[in-house]
């Protein structure tokens, strides 16, 4: 569903979780690569 963008804490939290998840994924890859 397309919802109007509103300056809400939940919106900021979701925006912060996206890059955090990417960093976590990269960290998991690095941990898997290291012996």
N, C-alpha and C. Protein backbone atom coordinates (compact mmCIF):
# COMPACT_ATOMS: atom_id res chain seq x y z
N UNK A 1 0.84 -1.20 0.00
CA UNK A 1 0.00 0.00 0.00
C UNK A 1 0.88 1.25 0.00
N UNK A 2 0.43 2.25 -0.73
CA UNK A 2 1.20 3.50 -0.78
C UNK A 2 0.67 4.46 0.28
N UNK A 3 1.51 4.76 1.24
CA UNK A 3 1.07 5.67 2.31
C UNK A 3 1.83 6.99 2.21
N UNK A 4 1.18 8.09 2.55
CA UNK A 4 1.83 9.41 2.52
C UNK A 4 2.99 9.47 3.51
N UNK A 5 4.07 10.07 3.10
CA UNK A 5 5.25 10.15 3.97
C UNK A 5 4.99 11.16 5.09
N UNK A 6 5.08 10.69 6.33
CA UNK A 6 4.85 11.58 7.47
C UNK A 6 6.07 11.54 8.40
N UNK A 7 6.44 12.71 8.93
CA UNK A 7 7.59 12.79 9.86
C UNK A 7 7.27 12.16 11.20
N UNK A 8 7.26 10.83 11.24
CA UNK A 8 6.97 10.14 12.49
C UNK A 8 8.19 9.36 12.97
N UNK A 9 8.32 9.15 14.29
CA UNK A 9 9.44 8.38 14.85
C UNK A 9 9.54 7.01 14.19
N UNK A 10 8.39 6.39 13.89
CA UNK A 10 8.41 5.06 13.28
C UNK A 10 9.06 5.14 11.90
N UNK A 11 8.78 6.23 11.18
CA UNK A 11 9.37 6.41 9.86
C UNK A 11 10.89 6.54 9.96
N UNK A 12 11.34 7.31 10.93
CA UNK A 12 12.79 7.49 11.12
C UNK A 12 13.43 6.18 11.55
N UNK A 13 12.71 5.43 12.38
CA UNK A 13 13.24 4.16 12.86
C UNK A 13 13.39 3.19 11.70
N UNK A 14 12.39 3.15 10.83
CA UNK A 14 12.43 2.25 9.68
C UNK A 14 13.57 2.66 8.75
N UNK A 15 13.75 3.97 8.58
CA UNK A 15 14.82 4.48 7.71
C UNK A 15 16.18 4.12 8.30
N UNK A 16 16.27 4.03 9.63
CA UNK A 16 17.54 3.69 10.27
C UNK A 16 17.79 2.19 10.25
N UNK A 17 16.73 1.41 10.18
CA UNK A 17 16.88 -0.05 10.19
C UNK A 17 17.40 -0.57 8.86
N UNK A 18 17.10 0.15 7.77
CA UNK A 18 17.53 -0.32 6.44
C UNK A 18 19.05 -0.38 6.33
N UNK A 19 19.77 0.74 6.57
CA UNK A 19 21.24 0.69 6.49
C UNK A 19 21.83 -0.21 7.56
N UNK A 20 21.17 -0.29 8.71
CA UNK A 20 21.66 -1.15 9.80
C UNK A 20 21.62 -2.61 9.37
N UNK A 21 20.55 -2.99 8.66
CA UNK A 21 20.43 -4.37 8.19
C UNK A 21 21.50 -4.66 7.15
N UNK A 22 21.80 -3.67 6.31
CA UNK A 22 22.84 -3.86 5.28
C UNK A 22 24.19 -4.05 5.95
N UNK A 23 24.48 -3.23 6.97
CA UNK A 23 25.75 -3.34 7.69
C UNK A 23 25.84 -4.69 8.40
N UNK A 24 24.73 -5.13 8.97
CA UNK A 24 24.71 -6.43 9.66
C UNK A 24 24.98 -7.55 8.66
N UNK A 25 24.40 -7.44 7.47
CA UNK A 25 24.62 -8.47 6.44
C UNK A 25 26.08 -8.51 6.03
N UNK A 26 26.69 -7.33 5.85
CA UNK A 26 28.11 -7.27 5.46
C UNK A 26 28.97 -7.85 6.58
N UNK A 27 28.60 -7.56 7.83
CA UNK A 27 29.36 -8.07 8.97
C UNK A 27 29.28 -9.60 9.00
N UNK A 28 28.10 -10.15 8.73
CA UNK A 28 27.95 -11.61 8.72
C UNK A 28 28.81 -12.23 7.62
N UNK A 29 28.88 -11.55 6.47
CA UNK A 29 29.70 -12.06 5.36
C UNK A 29 31.17 -12.05 5.76
N UNK A 30 31.61 -10.96 6.40
CA UNK A 30 33.01 -10.87 6.82
C UNK A 30 33.32 -11.94 7.86
N UNK A 31 32.39 -12.18 8.80
CA UNK A 31 32.60 -13.20 9.83
C UNK A 31 32.67 -14.58 9.19
N UNK A 32 31.90 -14.79 8.13
CA UNK A 32 31.89 -16.08 7.45
C UNK A 32 33.19 -16.27 6.65
N UNK A 33 33.76 -15.17 6.16
CA UNK A 33 34.98 -15.26 5.36
C UNK A 33 36.20 -15.50 6.24
N UNK A 34 36.18 -14.94 7.44
CA UNK A 34 37.34 -15.09 8.33
C UNK A 34 37.41 -16.51 8.89
N UNK A 35 38.59 -17.11 8.91
CA UNK A 35 38.77 -18.48 9.41
C UNK A 35 38.58 -18.57 10.92
